[in-house]
Amino acid sequence: MCDWKIVQAVDGASEALEFLSESAAVYIATGASESSVADIQRAFNRVGLDQYVSGYFCKSSVGCSKGSPDFLPTILGLLVLPASRTAMVGDSFAKDIEPAMRAGVQPIWLTQEDAPQGTDIRVIRSLRELCI
């Protein structure tokens, strides 16, 4: 992605990351399977978001793919963070939300859908809602 002709941030990402980084460390856990941490950082830098990010995780740095059962637990272990003190914001139910719930991480689903009944999933329609 860092070498794409056009790289564009998700709407509301700058405001949300700036707000969140004022009170918490922000990490990016991506499914970019053919990119290195340096590649991902360069892509975030191209759209002015790198300044808000404390670190990046991807298949090459974690050793398994996003969505796999070990992805989030491995990241939590590397950061020495308890799952109960972390949140995962993602737009994929299968690769972000379900793994977060399995790992005990607070799931925040960026979607236009409703959360499944009986779940404790926070749904946001825009990243700007993270600033509330």
N, C-alpha and C. Protein backbone atom coordinates (compact mmCIF):
# COMPACT_ATOMS: atom_id res chain seq x y z
N MET A 1 0.81 -1.20 0.00
CA MET A 1 0.00 0.00 0.00
C MET A 1 0.86 1.27 0.00
N CYS A 2 2.00 1.19 0.64
CA CYS A 2 2.84 2.39 0.73
C CYS A 2 3.30 2.86 -0.65
N ASP A 3 3.32 1.96 -1.63
CA ASP A 3 3.77 2.32 -2.97
C ASP A 3 2.63 2.57 -3.96
N TRP A 4 1.40 2.46 -3.50
CA TRP A 4 0.26 2.73 -4.38
C TRP A 4 0.30 4.18 -4.84
N LYS A 5 -0.19 4.41 -6.03
CA LYS A 5 -0.22 5.77 -6.56
C LYS A 5 -1.08 6.68 -5.66
N ILE A 6 -2.21 6.17 -5.22
CA ILE A 6 -3.11 6.94 -4.35
C ILE A 6 -3.35 6.15 -3.07
N VAL A 7 -3.11 6.79 -1.94
CA VAL A 7 -3.40 6.22 -0.63
C VAL A 7 -4.28 7.24 0.08
N GLN A 8 -5.39 6.77 0.63
CA GLN A 8 -6.34 7.67 1.26
C GLN A 8 -6.75 7.11 2.62
N ALA A 9 -6.81 7.99 3.61
CA ALA A 9 -7.24 7.58 4.95
C ALA A 9 -8.75 7.40 4.97
N VAL A 10 -9.21 6.52 5.83
CA VAL A 10 -10.64 6.34 6.04
C VAL A 10 -11.20 7.62 6.63
N ASP A 11 -12.38 8.01 6.20
CA ASP A 11 -13.02 9.22 6.69
C ASP A 11 -13.10 9.21 8.21
N GLY A 12 -12.65 10.27 8.85
CA GLY A 12 -12.70 10.41 10.29
C GLY A 12 -11.50 9.82 11.02
N ALA A 13 -10.59 9.17 10.29
CA ALA A 13 -9.44 8.52 10.93
C ALA A 13 -8.52 9.52 11.62
N SER A 14 -8.25 10.63 11.01
CA SER A 14 -7.34 11.61 11.60
C SER A 14 -7.89 12.14 12.92
N GLU A 15 -9.15 12.53 12.92
CA GLU A 15 -9.76 13.06 14.14
C GLU A 15 -9.79 11.99 15.24
N ALA A 16 -10.17 10.77 14.89
CA ALA A 16 -10.28 9.70 15.87
C ALA A 16 -8.91 9.34 16.45
N LEU A 17 -7.92 9.18 15.59
CA LEU A 17 -6.59 8.79 16.08
C LEU A 17 -5.97 9.90 16.92
N GLU A 18 -6.15 11.14 16.52
CA GLU A 18 -5.63 12.25 17.33
C GLU A 18 -6.26 12.24 18.71
N PHE A 19 -7.58 12.10 18.76
CA PHE A 19 -8.31 12.09 20.03
C PHE A 19 -7.87 10.92 20.91
N LEU A 20 -7.84 9.72 20.34
CA LEU A 20 -7.49 8.53 21.12
C LEU A 20 -6.05 8.56 21.61
N SER A 21 -5.15 9.07 20.77
CA SER A 21 -3.73 9.06 21.14
C SER A 21 -3.41 10.02 22.27
N GLU A 22 -4.32 10.91 22.59
CA GLU A 22 -4.11 11.84 23.71
C GLU A 22 -4.21 11.13 25.06
N SER A 23 -4.93 9.99 25.10
CA SER A 23 -5.12 9.31 26.38
C SER A 23 -4.76 7.82 26.36
N ALA A 24 -4.36 7.31 25.21
CA ALA A 24 -4.03 5.88 25.11
C ALA A 24 -3.01 5.66 24.00
N ALA A 25 -2.32 4.55 24.11
CA ALA A 25 -1.43 4.14 23.02
C ALA A 25 -2.29 3.50 21.94
N VAL A 26 -2.05 3.88 20.70
CA VAL A 26 -2.81 3.37 19.56
C VAL A 26 -1.89 2.48 18.74
N TYR A 27 -2.36 1.26 18.48
CA TYR A 27 -1.61 0.31 17.66
C TYR A 27 -2.48 -0.11 16.49
N ILE A 28 -1.86 -0.37 15.37
CA ILE A 28 -2.55 -0.84 14.19
C ILE A 28 -2.25 -2.32 14.02
N ALA A 29 -3.32 -3.11 13.96
CA ALA A 29 -3.20 -4.55 13.71
C ALA A 29 -3.89 -4.79 12.38
N THR A 30 -3.11 -5.09 11.37
CA THR A 30 -3.63 -5.16 10.01
C THR A 30 -3.50 -6.55 9.40
N GLY A 31 -4.37 -6.80 8.47
CA GLY A 31 -4.33 -8.05 7.73
C GLY A 31 -3.45 -7.98 6.50
N ALA A 32 -2.73 -6.89 6.34
CA ALA A 32 -1.83 -6.73 5.18
C ALA A 32 -0.78 -7.84 5.21
N SER A 33 -1.01 -8.88 4.44
CA SER A 33 -0.17 -10.07 4.53
C SER A 33 1.14 -9.96 3.76
N GLU A 34 1.24 -9.05 2.82
CA GLU A 34 2.46 -8.94 2.02
C GLU A 34 3.25 -7.68 2.33
N SER A 35 2.86 -6.99 3.42
CA SER A 35 3.55 -5.76 3.81
C SER A 35 4.33 -5.97 5.09
N SER A 36 5.42 -5.27 5.21
CA SER A 36 6.20 -5.28 6.45
C SER A 36 5.68 -4.16 7.35
N VAL A 37 6.12 -4.16 8.58
CA VAL A 37 5.77 -3.08 9.50
C VAL A 37 6.21 -1.74 8.91
N ALA A 38 7.41 -1.69 8.33
CA ALA A 38 7.92 -0.45 7.73
C ALA A 38 7.03 0.01 6.57
N ASP A 39 6.55 -0.94 5.76
CA ASP A 39 5.64 -0.58 4.65
C ASP A 39 4.36 0.04 5.18
N ILE A 40 3.80 -0.56 6.20
CA ILE A 40 2.54 -0.08 6.77
C ILE A 40 2.75 1.30 7.39
N GLN A 41 3.85 1.47 8.09
CA GLN A 41 4.16 2.77 8.69
C GLN A 41 4.30 3.84 7.61
N ARG A 42 4.95 3.50 6.51
CA ARG A 42 5.09 4.47 5.41
C ARG A 42 3.73 4.86 4.82
N ALA A 43 2.83 3.90 4.71
CA ALA A 43 1.49 4.20 4.19
C ALA A 43 0.76 5.15 5.14
N PHE A 44 0.84 4.90 6.43
CA PHE A 44 0.20 5.79 7.41
C PHE A 44 0.85 7.17 7.39
N ASN A 45 2.15 7.21 7.18
CA ASN A 45 2.86 8.48 7.09
C ASN A 45 2.40 9.28 5.87
N ARG A 46 2.15 8.60 4.77
CA ARG A 46 1.72 9.28 3.55
C ARG A 46 0.41 10.04 3.74
N VAL A 47 -0.45 9.56 4.65
CA VAL A 47 -1.74 10.24 4.86
C VAL A 47 -1.76 11.00 6.19
N GLY A 48 -0.57 11.18 6.80
CA GLY A 48 -0.46 12.00 8.00
C GLY A 48 -0.98 11.37 9.29
N LEU A 49 -1.09 10.05 9.32
CA LEU A 49 -1.63 9.38 10.51
C LEU A 49 -0.57 8.75 11.39
N ASP A 50 0.64 8.58 10.89
CA ASP A 50 1.69 7.91 11.63
C ASP A 50 2.00 8.59 12.96
N GLN A 51 1.82 9.89 13.03
CA GLN A 51 2.13 10.64 14.25
C GLN A 51 1.29 10.21 15.44
N TYR A 52 0.15 9.55 15.21
CA TYR A 52 -0.75 9.14 16.28
C TYR A 52 -0.59 7.68 16.68
N VAL A 53 0.24 6.95 15.97
CA VAL A 53 0.33 5.50 16.14
C VAL A 53 1.60 5.10 16.89
N SER A 54 1.42 4.27 17.91
CA SER A 54 2.55 3.81 18.73
C SER A 54 3.27 2.60 18.13
N GLY A 55 2.58 1.86 17.26
CA GLY A 55 3.21 0.70 16.65
C GLY A 55 2.26 -0.03 15.72
N TYR A 56 2.82 -0.97 14.98
CA TYR A 56 2.07 -1.69 13.95
C TYR A 56 2.30 -3.19 14.10
N PHE A 57 1.27 -3.95 13.79
CA PHE A 57 1.36 -5.41 13.80
C PHE A 57 0.74 -5.95 12.53
N CYS A 58 1.42 -6.92 11.94
CA CYS A 58 0.93 -7.57 10.72
C CYS A 58 1.45 -9.01 10.73
N LYS A 59 1.11 -9.75 9.71
CA LYS A 59 1.51 -11.16 9.64
C LYS A 59 3.02 -11.33 9.80
N SER A 60 3.80 -10.46 9.17
CA SER A 60 5.26 -10.63 9.23
C SER A 60 5.83 -10.35 10.62
N SER A 61 5.17 -9.55 11.42
CA SER A 61 5.68 -9.24 12.75
C SER A 61 5.08 -10.11 13.84
N VAL A 62 3.90 -10.67 13.58
CA VAL A 62 3.21 -11.48 14.59
C VAL A 62 3.44 -12.97 14.36
N GLY A 63 3.60 -13.36 13.11
CA GLY A 63 3.82 -14.76 12.78
C GLY A 63 2.57 -15.52 12.42
N CYS A 64 1.44 -14.85 12.41
CA CYS A 64 0.19 -15.47 11.99
C CYS A 64 -0.71 -14.39 11.40
N SER A 65 -1.73 -14.81 10.70
CA SER A 65 -2.60 -13.87 9.99
C SER A 65 -3.67 -13.27 10.90
N LYS A 66 -4.06 -12.05 10.58
CA LYS A 66 -5.17 -11.40 11.28
C LYS A 66 -6.40 -12.27 11.12
N GLY A 67 -7.12 -12.44 12.20
CA GLY A 67 -8.30 -13.29 12.19
C GLY A 67 -8.03 -14.67 12.74
N SER A 68 -6.74 -15.07 12.75
CA SER A 68 -6.41 -16.38 13.31
C SER A 68 -6.53 -16.31 14.84
N PRO A 69 -6.75 -17.45 15.49
CA PRO A 69 -6.94 -17.46 16.94
C PRO A 69 -5.76 -16.90 17.74
N ASP A 70 -4.55 -16.94 17.18
CA ASP A 70 -3.36 -16.49 17.92
C ASP A 70 -2.98 -15.03 17.66
N PHE A 71 -3.59 -14.39 16.68
CA PHE A 71 -3.16 -13.04 16.28
C PHE A 71 -3.26 -12.04 17.44
N LEU A 72 -4.45 -11.82 17.97
CA LEU A 72 -4.59 -10.84 19.05
C LEU A 72 -3.90 -11.26 20.34
N PRO A 73 -4.02 -12.52 20.79
CA PRO A 73 -3.27 -12.91 21.99
C PRO A 73 -1.76 -12.70 21.86
N THR A 74 -1.21 -12.94 20.68
CA THR A 74 0.22 -12.72 20.47
C THR A 74 0.56 -11.24 20.61
N ILE A 75 -0.26 -10.38 20.03
CA ILE A 75 -0.03 -8.93 20.14
C ILE A 75 -0.12 -8.49 21.59
N LEU A 76 -1.14 -8.96 22.30
CA LEU A 76 -1.29 -8.59 23.72
C LEU A 76 -0.08 -9.04 24.52
N GLY A 77 0.45 -10.22 24.21
CA GLY A 77 1.64 -10.70 24.88
C GLY A 77 2.87 -9.85 24.59
N LEU A 78 3.01 -9.44 23.34
CA LEU A 78 4.15 -8.58 22.97
C LEU A 78 4.07 -7.22 23.66
N LEU A 79 2.85 -6.71 23.83
CA LEU A 79 2.66 -5.41 24.47
C LEU A 79 2.57 -5.50 25.99
N VAL A 80 2.49 -6.72 26.50
CA VAL A 80 2.30 -6.98 27.92
C VAL A 80 1.08 -6.20 28.42
N LEU A 81 -0.03 -6.40 27.72
CA LEU A 81 -1.29 -5.75 28.07
C LEU A 81 -2.36 -6.80 28.34
N PRO A 82 -3.17 -6.57 29.38
CA PRO A 82 -4.30 -7.47 29.59
C PRO A 82 -5.39 -7.16 28.58
N ALA A 83 -6.07 -8.19 28.13
CA ALA A 83 -7.14 -8.02 27.15
C ALA A 83 -8.21 -7.06 27.68
N SER A 84 -8.46 -7.10 28.97
CA SER A 84 -9.51 -6.28 29.57
C SER A 84 -9.23 -4.78 29.48
N ARG A 85 -8.00 -4.40 29.16
CA ARG A 85 -7.65 -2.98 29.05
C ARG A 85 -7.45 -2.54 27.61
N THR A 86 -7.94 -3.35 26.67
CA THR A 86 -7.75 -3.03 25.26
C THR A 86 -9.08 -3.07 24.51
N ALA A 87 -9.08 -2.40 23.38
CA ALA A 87 -10.24 -2.41 22.48
C ALA A 87 -9.74 -2.64 21.07
N MET A 88 -10.59 -3.22 20.26
CA MET A 88 -10.28 -3.47 18.85
C MET A 88 -11.34 -2.80 18.01
N VAL A 89 -10.94 -1.87 17.17
CA VAL A 89 -11.87 -1.24 16.23
C VAL A 89 -11.64 -1.88 14.89
N GLY A 90 -12.69 -2.38 14.28
CA GLY A 90 -12.53 -3.02 12.99
C GLY A 90 -13.82 -3.05 12.21
N ASP A 91 -13.68 -3.27 10.90
CA ASP A 91 -14.85 -3.29 10.03
C ASP A 91 -15.22 -4.70 9.57
N SER A 92 -14.43 -5.68 9.94
CA SER A 92 -14.71 -7.06 9.56
C SER A 92 -15.17 -7.84 10.78
N PHE A 93 -16.39 -8.35 10.72
CA PHE A 93 -16.89 -9.13 11.85
C PHE A 93 -16.02 -10.37 12.06
N ALA A 94 -15.68 -11.05 10.97
CA ALA A 94 -14.92 -12.31 11.07
C ALA A 94 -13.46 -12.10 11.48
N LYS A 95 -12.82 -11.05 10.98
CA LYS A 95 -11.38 -10.88 11.23
C LYS A 95 -11.06 -9.91 12.37
N ASP A 96 -12.04 -9.11 12.79
CA ASP A 96 -11.81 -8.13 13.85
C ASP A 96 -12.65 -8.42 15.09
N ILE A 97 -13.95 -8.47 14.91
CA ILE A 97 -14.87 -8.50 16.04
C ILE A 97 -14.90 -9.87 16.72
N GLU A 98 -15.10 -10.93 15.97
CA GLU A 98 -15.12 -12.26 16.59
C GLU A 98 -13.79 -12.59 17.29
N PRO A 99 -12.64 -12.35 16.65
CA PRO A 99 -11.38 -12.62 17.36
C PRO A 99 -11.21 -11.76 18.61
N ALA A 100 -11.65 -10.51 18.57
CA ALA A 100 -11.57 -9.64 19.75
C ALA A 100 -12.39 -10.23 20.89
N MET A 101 -13.60 -10.66 20.59
CA MET A 101 -14.45 -11.25 21.62
C MET A 101 -13.82 -12.51 22.19
N ARG A 102 -13.26 -13.36 21.34
CA ARG A 102 -12.61 -14.59 21.80
C ARG A 102 -11.42 -14.29 22.72
N ALA A 103 -10.71 -13.20 22.42
CA ALA A 103 -9.52 -12.84 23.19
C ALA A 103 -9.84 -12.04 24.44
N GLY A 104 -11.11 -11.64 24.62
CA GLY A 104 -11.49 -10.84 25.78
C GLY A 104 -11.23 -9.36 25.60
N VAL A 105 -11.04 -8.94 24.35
CA VAL A 105 -10.80 -7.54 24.00
C VAL A 105 -12.15 -6.89 23.67
N GLN A 106 -12.34 -5.63 24.09
CA GLN A 106 -13.59 -4.93 23.80
C GLN A 106 -13.73 -4.71 22.30
N PRO A 107 -14.77 -5.24 21.68
CA PRO A 107 -14.95 -5.06 20.23
C PRO A 107 -15.73 -3.78 19.91
N ILE A 108 -15.24 -3.05 18.92
CA ILE A 108 -15.94 -1.87 18.41
C ILE A 108 -16.03 -2.05 16.90
N TRP A 109 -17.25 -2.23 16.42
CA TRP A 109 -17.48 -2.61 15.03
C TRP A 109 -17.86 -1.39 14.20
N LEU A 110 -17.05 -1.06 13.21
CA LEU A 110 -17.32 0.02 12.26
C LEU A 110 -18.14 -0.57 11.12
N THR A 111 -19.44 -0.32 11.15
CA THR A 111 -20.34 -0.94 10.18
C THR A 111 -21.64 -0.16 10.10
N GLN A 112 -22.39 -0.44 9.06
CA GLN A 112 -23.73 0.12 8.93
C GLN A 112 -24.78 -0.89 9.42
N GLU A 113 -24.31 -2.05 9.85
CA GLU A 113 -25.20 -3.10 10.36
C GLU A 113 -25.45 -2.89 11.85
N ASP A 114 -26.38 -3.66 12.40
CA ASP A 114 -26.62 -3.67 13.83
C ASP A 114 -25.85 -4.82 14.45
N ALA A 115 -25.49 -4.66 15.71
CA ALA A 115 -24.80 -5.74 16.42
C ALA A 115 -25.76 -6.91 16.59
N PRO A 116 -25.24 -8.12 16.54
CA PRO A 116 -26.10 -9.29 16.79
C PRO A 116 -26.72 -9.19 18.18
N GLN A 117 -27.97 -9.57 18.29
CA GLN A 117 -28.65 -9.52 19.58
C GLN A 117 -27.93 -10.38 20.59
N GLY A 118 -27.93 -9.89 21.82
CA GLY A 118 -27.31 -10.65 22.90
C GLY A 118 -25.81 -10.49 22.98
N THR A 119 -25.24 -9.59 22.18
CA THR A 119 -23.79 -9.37 22.24
C THR A 119 -23.49 -8.02 22.88
N ASP A 120 -22.26 -7.88 23.31
CA ASP A 120 -21.80 -6.66 23.96
C ASP A 120 -20.92 -5.85 23.01
N ILE A 121 -21.30 -5.82 21.75
CA ILE A 121 -20.49 -5.17 20.73
C ILE A 121 -20.94 -3.73 20.56
N ARG A 122 -20.00 -2.81 20.69
CA ARG A 122 -20.30 -1.41 20.40
C ARG A 122 -20.22 -1.24 18.89
N VAL A 123 -21.26 -0.64 18.31
CA VAL A 123 -21.30 -0.39 16.87
C VAL A 123 -21.14 1.10 16.65
N ILE A 124 -20.24 1.45 15.73
CA ILE A 124 -20.10 2.84 15.30
C ILE A 124 -20.29 2.90 13.79
N ARG A 125 -20.84 3.98 13.33
CA ARG A 125 -21.08 4.17 11.90
C ARG A 125 -19.95 4.98 11.25
N SER A 126 -19.21 5.71 12.09
CA SER A 126 -18.11 6.56 11.62
C SER A 126 -17.00 6.53 12.68
N LEU A 127 -15.77 6.64 12.25
CA LEU A 127 -14.66 6.70 13.20
C LEU A 127 -14.74 7.92 14.10
N ARG A 128 -15.42 8.95 13.66
CA ARG A 128 -15.59 10.16 14.49
C ARG A 128 -16.34 9.85 15.78
N GLU A 129 -17.14 8.79 15.79
CA GLU A 129 -17.88 8.43 17.00
C GLU A 129 -16.94 7.99 18.12
N LEU A 130 -15.72 7.67 17.81
CA LEU A 130 -14.73 7.31 18.85
C LEU A 130 -14.31 8.53 19.65
N CYS A 131 -14.61 9.71 19.16
CA CYS A 131 -14.25 10.96 19.84
C CYS A 131 -15.30 11.40 20.85
N ILE A 132 -16.35 10.64 20.97
CA ILE A 132 -17.45 11.02 21.87
C ILE A 132 -17.23 10.40 23.24
